[in-house]
Amino acid sequence: MSTASYTVVGMTCGHCVNAVTEEVGAVPGVTTVDVDLASGGLTVTSTEPVDDVAVRAAVEEAGYQLVG
């Protein structure tokens, strides 16, 4: 298992959290997605090393941005 943490900007509500969770959860290998609305924190657990490019693309597909 591999875990990576990110910060998402632009989320303002539960719908935002659900959109990010759904898109990132569809990335191959991802087993768990934890999004914290208050901090913008995103923690991704995957069966193999987390693909940062795929996670970034999934967050952008949901309509938000990763920082850092």
PDB file of N, CA and C in Angstrom:
ATOM      1  N   MET A   1       0.834  -1.190   0.000  1.00  0.00           N
ATOM      2  CA  MET A   1       0.000   0.000   0.000  1.00  0.00           C
ATOM      3  C   MET A   1       0.875   1.248   0.000  1.00  0.00           C
ATOM      4  N   SER A   2       0.376   2.262  -0.655  1.00  0.00           N
ATOM      5  CA  SER A   2       1.069   3.540  -0.733  1.00  0.00           C
ATOM      6  C   SER A   2       0.056   4.634  -0.411  1.00  0.00           C
ATOM      7  N   THR A   3       0.490   5.642   0.329  1.00  0.00           N
ATOM      8  CA  THR A   3      -0.387   6.752   0.693  1.00  0.00           C
ATOM      9  C   THR A   3       0.283   8.061   0.320  1.00  0.00           C
ATOM     10  N   ALA A   4      -0.510   8.984  -0.228  1.00  0.00           N
ATOM     11  CA  ALA A   4      -0.006  10.311  -0.583  1.00  0.00           C
ATOM     12  C   ALA A   4      -1.016  11.349  -0.122  1.00  0.00           C
ATOM     13  N   SER A   5      -0.519  12.516   0.272  1.00  0.00           N
ATOM     14  CA  SER A   5      -1.382  13.604   0.729  1.00  0.00           C
ATOM     15  C   SER A   5      -1.209  14.815  -0.166  1.00  0.00           C
ATOM     16  N   TYR A   6      -2.312  15.516  -0.385  1.00  0.00           N
ATOM     17  CA  TYR A   6      -2.345  16.679  -1.267  1.00  0.00           C
ATOM     18  C   TYR A   6      -3.231  17.747  -0.628  1.00  0.00           C
ATOM     19  N   THR A   7      -3.220  18.934  -1.217  1.00  0.00           N
ATOM     20  CA  THR A   7      -4.144  19.994  -0.828  1.00  0.00           C
ATOM     21  C   THR A   7      -4.921  20.421  -2.061  1.00  0.00           C
ATOM     22  N   VAL A   8      -6.245  20.432  -1.914  1.00  0.00           N
ATOM     23  CA  VAL A   8      -7.141  20.814  -3.006  1.00  0.00           C
ATOM     24  C   VAL A   8      -7.697  22.200  -2.692  1.00  0.00           C
ATOM     25  N   VAL A   9      -7.714  23.077  -3.684  1.00  0.00           N
ATOM     26  CA  VAL A   9      -8.305  24.399  -3.496  1.00  0.00           C
ATOM     27  C   VAL A   9      -9.571  24.522  -4.339  1.00  0.00           C
ATOM     28  N   GLY A  10     -10.511  25.297  -3.808  1.00  0.00           N
ATOM     29  CA  GLY A  10     -11.735  25.586  -4.539  1.00  0.00           C
ATOM     30  C   GLY A  10     -12.965  24.852  -4.023  1.00  0.00           C
ATOM     31  N   MET A  11     -12.791  23.921  -3.105  1.00  0.00           N
ATOM     32  CA  MET A  11     -13.942  23.187  -2.573  1.00  0.00           C
ATOM     33  C   MET A  11     -14.662  24.042  -1.534  1.00  0.00           C
ATOM     34  N   THR A  12     -16.001  24.047  -1.607  1.00  0.00           N
ATOM     35  CA  THR A  12     -16.773  24.872  -0.678  1.00  0.00           C
ATOM     36  C   THR A  12     -17.912  24.127   0.005  1.00  0.00           C
ATOM     37  N   CYS A  13     -18.199  22.875  -0.414  1.00  0.00           N
ATOM     38  CA  CYS A  13     -19.359  22.178   0.134  1.00  0.00           C
ATOM     39  C   CYS A  13     -19.204  20.671   0.021  1.00  0.00           C
ATOM     40  N   GLY A  14     -20.195  19.969   0.531  1.00  0.00           N
ATOM     41  CA  GLY A  14     -20.188  18.515   0.478  1.00  0.00           C
ATOM     42  C   GLY A  14     -20.206  17.977  -0.938  1.00  0.00           C
ATOM     43  N   HIS A  15     -20.884  18.673  -1.836  1.00  0.00           N
ATOM     44  CA  HIS A  15     -20.906  18.244  -3.240  1.00  0.00           C
ATOM     45  C   HIS A  15     -19.490  18.259  -3.815  1.00  0.00           C
ATOM     46  N   CYS A  16     -18.713  19.255  -3.444  1.00  0.00           N
ATOM     47  CA  CYS A  16     -17.321  19.351  -3.897  1.00  0.00           C
ATOM     48  C   CYS A  16     -16.527  18.135  -3.427  1.00  0.00           C
ATOM     49  N   VAL A  17     -16.700  17.792  -2.164  1.00  0.00           N
ATOM     50  CA  VAL A  17     -16.006  16.640  -1.586  1.00  0.00           C
ATOM     51  C   VAL A  17     -16.393  15.373  -2.343  1.00  0.00           C
ATOM     52  N   ASN A  18     -17.687  15.215  -2.614  1.00  0.00           N
ATOM     53  CA  ASN A  18     -18.150  14.028  -3.331  1.00  0.00           C
ATOM     54  C   ASN A  18     -17.578  13.962  -4.741  1.00  0.00           C
ATOM     55  N   ALA A  19     -17.503  15.091  -5.423  1.00  0.00           N
ATOM     56  CA  ALA A  19     -16.971  15.122  -6.782  1.00  0.00           C
ATOM     57  C   ALA A  19     -15.501  14.710  -6.804  1.00  0.00           C
ATOM     58  N   VAL A  20     -14.714  15.245  -5.880  1.00  0.00           N
ATOM     59  CA  VAL A  20     -13.292  14.903  -5.811  1.00  0.00           C
ATOM     60  C   VAL A  20     -13.127  13.433  -5.437  1.00  0.00           C
ATOM     61  N   THR A  21     -13.896  12.976  -4.461  1.00  0.00           N
ATOM     62  CA  THR A  21     -13.813  11.584  -4.023  1.00  0.00           C
ATOM     63  C   THR A  21     -14.123  10.636  -5.176  1.00  0.00           C
ATOM     64  N   GLU A  22     -15.165  10.939  -5.925  1.00  0.00           N
ATOM     65  CA  GLU A  22     -15.566  10.083  -7.042  1.00  0.00           C
ATOM     66  C   GLU A  22     -14.503  10.033  -8.133  1.00  0.00           C
ATOM     67  N   GLU A  23     -13.997  11.194  -8.537  1.00  0.00           N
ATOM     68  CA  GLU A  23     -13.003  11.241  -9.620  1.00  0.00           C
ATOM     69  C   GLU A  23     -11.687  10.585  -9.208  1.00  0.00           C
ATOM     70  N   VAL A  24     -11.194  10.897  -8.023  1.00  0.00           N
ATOM     71  CA  VAL A  24      -9.920  10.328  -7.574  1.00  0.00           C
ATOM     72  C   VAL A  24     -10.093   8.829  -7.308  1.00  0.00           C
ATOM     73  N   GLY A  25     -11.240   8.434  -6.803  1.00  0.00           N
ATOM     74  CA  GLY A  25     -11.508   7.023  -6.543  1.00  0.00           C
ATOM     75  C   GLY A  25     -11.498   6.173  -7.800  1.00  0.00           C
ATOM     76  N   ALA A  26     -11.693   6.796  -8.963  1.00  0.00           N
ATOM     77  CA  ALA A  26     -11.696   6.079 -10.240  1.00  0.00           C
ATOM     78  C   ALA A  26     -10.288   5.869 -10.805  1.00  0.00           C
ATOM     79  N   VAL A  27      -9.278   6.490 -10.189  1.00  0.00           N
ATOM     80  CA  VAL A  27      -7.898   6.318 -10.662  1.00  0.00           C
ATOM     81  C   VAL A  27      -7.487   4.862 -10.407  1.00  0.00           C
ATOM     82  N   PRO A  28      -6.922   4.188 -11.404  1.00  0.00           N
ATOM     83  CA  PRO A  28      -6.539   2.784 -11.225  1.00  0.00           C
ATOM     84  C   PRO A  28      -5.613   2.563 -10.022  1.00  0.00           C
ATOM     85  N   GLY A  29      -5.956   1.571  -9.221  1.00  0.00           N
ATOM     86  CA  GLY A  29      -5.148   1.224  -8.060  1.00  0.00           C
ATOM     87  C   GLY A  29      -5.571   1.901  -6.771  1.00  0.00           C
ATOM     88  N   VAL A  30      -6.340   2.992  -6.870  1.00  0.00           N
ATOM     89  CA  VAL A  30      -6.745   3.727  -5.666  1.00  0.00           C
ATOM     90  C   VAL A  30      -7.764   2.904  -4.883  1.00  0.00           C
ATOM     91  N   THR A  31      -7.496   2.744  -3.588  1.00  0.00           N
ATOM     92  CA  THR A  31      -8.388   1.963  -2.730  1.00  0.00           C
ATOM     93  C   THR A  31      -9.173   2.829  -1.751  1.00  0.00           C
ATOM     94  N   THR A  32      -8.581   3.951  -1.321  1.00  0.00           N
ATOM     95  CA  THR A  32      -9.240   4.818  -0.349  1.00  0.00           C
ATOM     96  C   THR A  32      -8.963   6.276  -0.693  1.00  0.00           C
ATOM     97  N   VAL A  33     -10.017   7.102  -0.584  1.00  0.00           N
ATOM     98  CA  VAL A  33      -9.884   8.546  -0.788  1.00  0.00           C
ATOM     99  C   VAL A  33     -10.506   9.227   0.426  1.00  0.00           C
ATOM    100  N   ASP A  34      -9.745  10.099   1.077  1.00  0.00           N
ATOM    101  CA  ASP A  34     -10.245  10.837   2.236  1.00  0.00           C
ATOM    102  C   ASP A  34     -10.075  12.318   1.950  1.00  0.00           C
ATOM    103  N   VAL A  35     -11.194  13.048   1.932  1.00  0.00           N
ATOM    104  CA  VAL A  35     -11.166  14.480   1.642  1.00  0.00           C
ATOM    105  C   VAL A  35     -11.672  15.235   2.868  1.00  0.00           C
ATOM    106  N   ASP A  36     -10.910  16.234   3.306  1.00  0.00           N
ATOM    107  CA  ASP A  36     -11.311  17.086   4.423  1.00  0.00           C
ATOM    108  C   ASP A  36     -11.659  18.465   3.874  1.00  0.00           C
ATOM    109  N   LEU A  37     -12.938  18.802   3.914  1.00  0.00           N
ATOM    110  CA  LEU A  37     -13.408  20.064   3.343  1.00  0.00           C
ATOM    111  C   LEU A  37     -12.772  21.273   4.030  1.00  0.00           C
ATOM    112  N   ALA A  38     -12.687  21.257   5.350  1.00  0.00           N
ATOM    113  CA  ALA A  38     -12.187  22.413   6.098  1.00  0.00           C
ATOM    114  C   ALA A  38     -10.756  22.781   5.724  1.00  0.00           C
ATOM    115  N   SER A  39      -9.894  21.771   5.591  1.00  0.00           N
ATOM    116  CA  SER A  39      -8.483  22.050   5.313  1.00  0.00           C
ATOM    117  C   SER A  39      -8.132  21.927   3.839  1.00  0.00           C
ATOM    118  N   GLY A  40      -9.015  21.295   3.067  1.00  0.00           N
ATOM    119  CA  GLY A  40      -8.703  21.024   1.661  1.00  0.00           C
ATOM    120  C   GLY A  40      -7.798  19.815   1.512  1.00  0.00           C
ATOM    121  N   GLY A  41      -7.604  19.087   2.604  1.00  0.00           N
ATOM    122  CA  GLY A  41      -6.713  17.934   2.569  1.00  0.00           C
ATOM    123  C   GLY A  41      -7.290  16.773   1.781  1.00  0.00           C
ATOM    124  N   LEU A  42      -6.438  16.132   1.017  1.00  0.00           N
ATOM    125  CA  LEU A  42      -6.802  14.952   0.236  1.00  0.00           C
ATOM    126  C   LEU A  42      -5.753  13.881   0.515  1.00  0.00           C
ATOM    127  N   THR A  43      -6.200  12.746   1.028  1.00  0.00           N
ATOM    128  CA  THR A  43      -5.300  11.622   1.275  1.00  0.00           C
ATOM    129  C   THR A  43      -5.753  10.466   0.396  1.00  0.00           C
ATOM    130  N   VAL A  44      -4.811   9.931  -0.366  1.00  0.00           N
ATOM    131  CA  VAL A  44      -5.107   8.861  -1.315  1.00  0.00           C
ATOM    132  C   VAL A  44      -4.279   7.636  -0.945  1.00  0.00           C
ATOM    133  N   THR A  45      -4.939   6.491  -0.829  1.00  0.00           N
ATOM    134  CA  THR A  45      -4.262   5.227  -0.591  1.00  0.00           C
ATOM    135  C   THR A  45      -4.433   4.371  -1.834  1.00  0.00           C
ATOM    136  N   SER A  46      -3.338   3.737  -2.240  1.00  0.00           N
ATOM    137  CA  SER A  46      -3.334   2.965  -3.471  1.00  0.00           C
ATOM    138  C   SER A  46      -2.588   1.652  -3.269  1.00  0.00           C
ATOM    139  N   THR A  47      -2.921   0.661  -4.092  1.00  0.00           N
ATOM    140  CA  THR A  47      -2.259  -0.636  -4.015  1.00  0.00           C
ATOM    141  C   THR A  47      -0.838  -0.577  -4.548  1.00  0.00           C
ATOM    142  N   GLU A  48      -0.527   0.430  -5.334  1.00  0.00           N
ATOM    143  CA  GLU A  48       0.813   0.637  -5.873  1.00  0.00           C
ATOM    144  C   GLU A  48       1.174   2.103  -5.662  1.00  0.00           C
ATOM    145  N   PRO A  49       2.392   2.524  -5.971  1.00  0.00           N
ATOM    146  CA  PRO A  49       2.719   3.949  -5.767  1.00  0.00           C
ATOM    147  C   PRO A  49       1.670   4.858  -6.413  1.00  0.00           C
ATOM    148  N   VAL A  50       1.243   5.875  -5.654  1.00  0.00           N
ATOM    149  CA  VAL A  50       0.200   6.783  -6.133  1.00  0.00           C
ATOM    150  C   VAL A  50       0.723   7.564  -7.336  1.00  0.00           C
ATOM    151  N   ASP A  51      -0.077   7.589  -8.385  1.00  0.00           N
ATOM    152  CA  ASP A  51       0.267   8.302  -9.617  1.00  0.00           C
ATOM    153  C   ASP A  51      -0.159   9.762  -9.465  1.00  0.00           C
ATOM    154  N   ASP A  52       0.808  10.634  -9.106  1.00  0.00           N
ATOM    155  CA  ASP A  52       0.495  12.050  -8.867  1.00  0.00           C
ATOM    156  C   ASP A  52      -0.152  12.714 -10.071  1.00  0.00           C
ATOM    157  N   VAL A  53       0.297  12.373 -11.268  1.00  0.00           N
ATOM    158  CA  VAL A  53      -0.259  12.979 -12.483  1.00  0.00           C
ATOM    159  C   VAL A  53      -1.721  12.586 -12.634  1.00  0.00           C
ATOM    160  N   ALA A  54      -2.046  11.326 -12.386  1.00  0.00           N
ATOM    161  CA  ALA A  54      -3.425  10.858 -12.510  1.00  0.00           C
ATOM    162  C   ALA A  54      -4.317  11.488 -11.442  1.00  0.00           C
ATOM    163  N   VAL A  55      -3.789  11.642 -10.225  1.00  0.00           N
ATOM    164  CA  VAL A  55      -4.567  12.269  -9.157  1.00  0.00           C
ATOM    165  C   VAL A  55      -4.835  13.727  -9.510  1.00  0.00           C
ATOM    166  N   ARG A  56      -3.812  14.435  -9.983  1.00  0.00           N
ATOM    167  CA  ARG A  56      -3.993  15.834 -10.379  1.00  0.00           C
ATOM    168  C   ARG A  56      -5.048  15.950 -11.480  1.00  0.00           C
ATOM    169  N   ALA A  57      -4.980  15.069 -12.472  1.00  0.00           N
ATOM    170  CA  ALA A  57      -5.945  15.097 -13.582  1.00  0.00           C
ATOM    171  C   ALA A  57      -7.357  14.821 -13.072  1.00  0.00           C
ATOM    172  N   ALA A  58      -7.496  13.893 -12.132  1.00  0.00           N
ATOM    173  CA  ALA A  58      -8.813  13.569 -11.584  1.00  0.00           C
ATOM    174  C   ALA A  58      -9.393  14.752 -10.808  1.00  0.00           C
ATOM    175  N   VAL A  59      -8.559  15.418 -10.016  1.00  0.00           N
ATOM    176  CA  VAL A  59      -9.017  16.586  -9.259  1.00  0.00           C
ATOM    177  C   VAL A  59      -9.440  17.698 -10.226  1.00  0.00           C
ATOM    178  N   GLU A  60      -8.661  17.908 -11.277  1.00  0.00           N
ATOM    179  CA  GLU A  60      -9.004  18.930 -12.265  1.00  0.00           C
ATOM    180  C   GLU A  60     -10.286  18.561 -13.006  1.00  0.00           C
ATOM    181  N   GLU A  61     -10.491  17.272 -13.280  1.00  0.00           N
ATOM    182  CA  GLU A  61     -11.722  16.817 -13.930  1.00  0.00           C
ATOM    183  C   GLU A  61     -12.935  17.129 -13.055  1.00  0.00           C
ATOM    184  N   ALA A  62     -12.748  17.059 -11.737  1.00  0.00           N
ATOM    185  CA  ALA A  62     -13.822  17.382 -10.792  1.00  0.00           C
ATOM    186  C   ALA A  62     -14.061  18.886 -10.700  1.00  0.00           C
ATOM    187  N   GLY A  63     -13.123  19.683 -11.251  1.00  0.00           N
ATOM    188  CA  GLY A  63     -13.311  21.134 -11.263  1.00  0.00           C
ATOM    189  C   GLY A  63     -12.501  21.895 -10.237  1.00  0.00           C
ATOM    190  N   TYR A  64     -11.472  21.242  -9.667  1.00  0.00           N
ATOM    191  CA  TYR A  64     -10.684  21.874  -8.609  1.00  0.00           C
ATOM    192  C   TYR A  64      -9.201  21.777  -8.952  1.00  0.00           C
ATOM    193  N   GLN A  65      -8.353  22.303  -8.085  1.00  0.00           N
ATOM    194  CA  GLN A  65      -6.908  22.301  -8.357  1.00  0.00           C
ATOM    195  C   GLN A  65      -6.140  21.773  -7.155  1.00  0.00           C
ATOM    196  N   LEU A  66      -5.061  21.061  -7.446  1.00  0.00           N
ATOM    197  CA  LEU A  66      -4.107  20.678  -6.403  1.00  0.00           C
ATOM    198  C   LEU A  66      -3.082  21.794  -6.280  1.00  0.00           C
ATOM    199  N   VAL A  67      -2.650  22.069  -5.067  1.00  0.00           N
ATOM    200  CA  VAL A  67      -1.574  23.037  -4.874  1.00  0.00           C
ATOM    201  C   VAL A  67      -0.356  22.297  -4.367  1.00  0.00           C
ATOM    202  N   GLY A  68       0.806  22.819  -4.722  1.00  0.00           N
ATOM    203  CA  GLY A  68       2.035  22.203  -4.251  1.00  0.00           C
ATOM    204  C   GLY A  68       2.581  21.182  -5.200  1.00  0.00           C
TER     205      GLY A  68
END
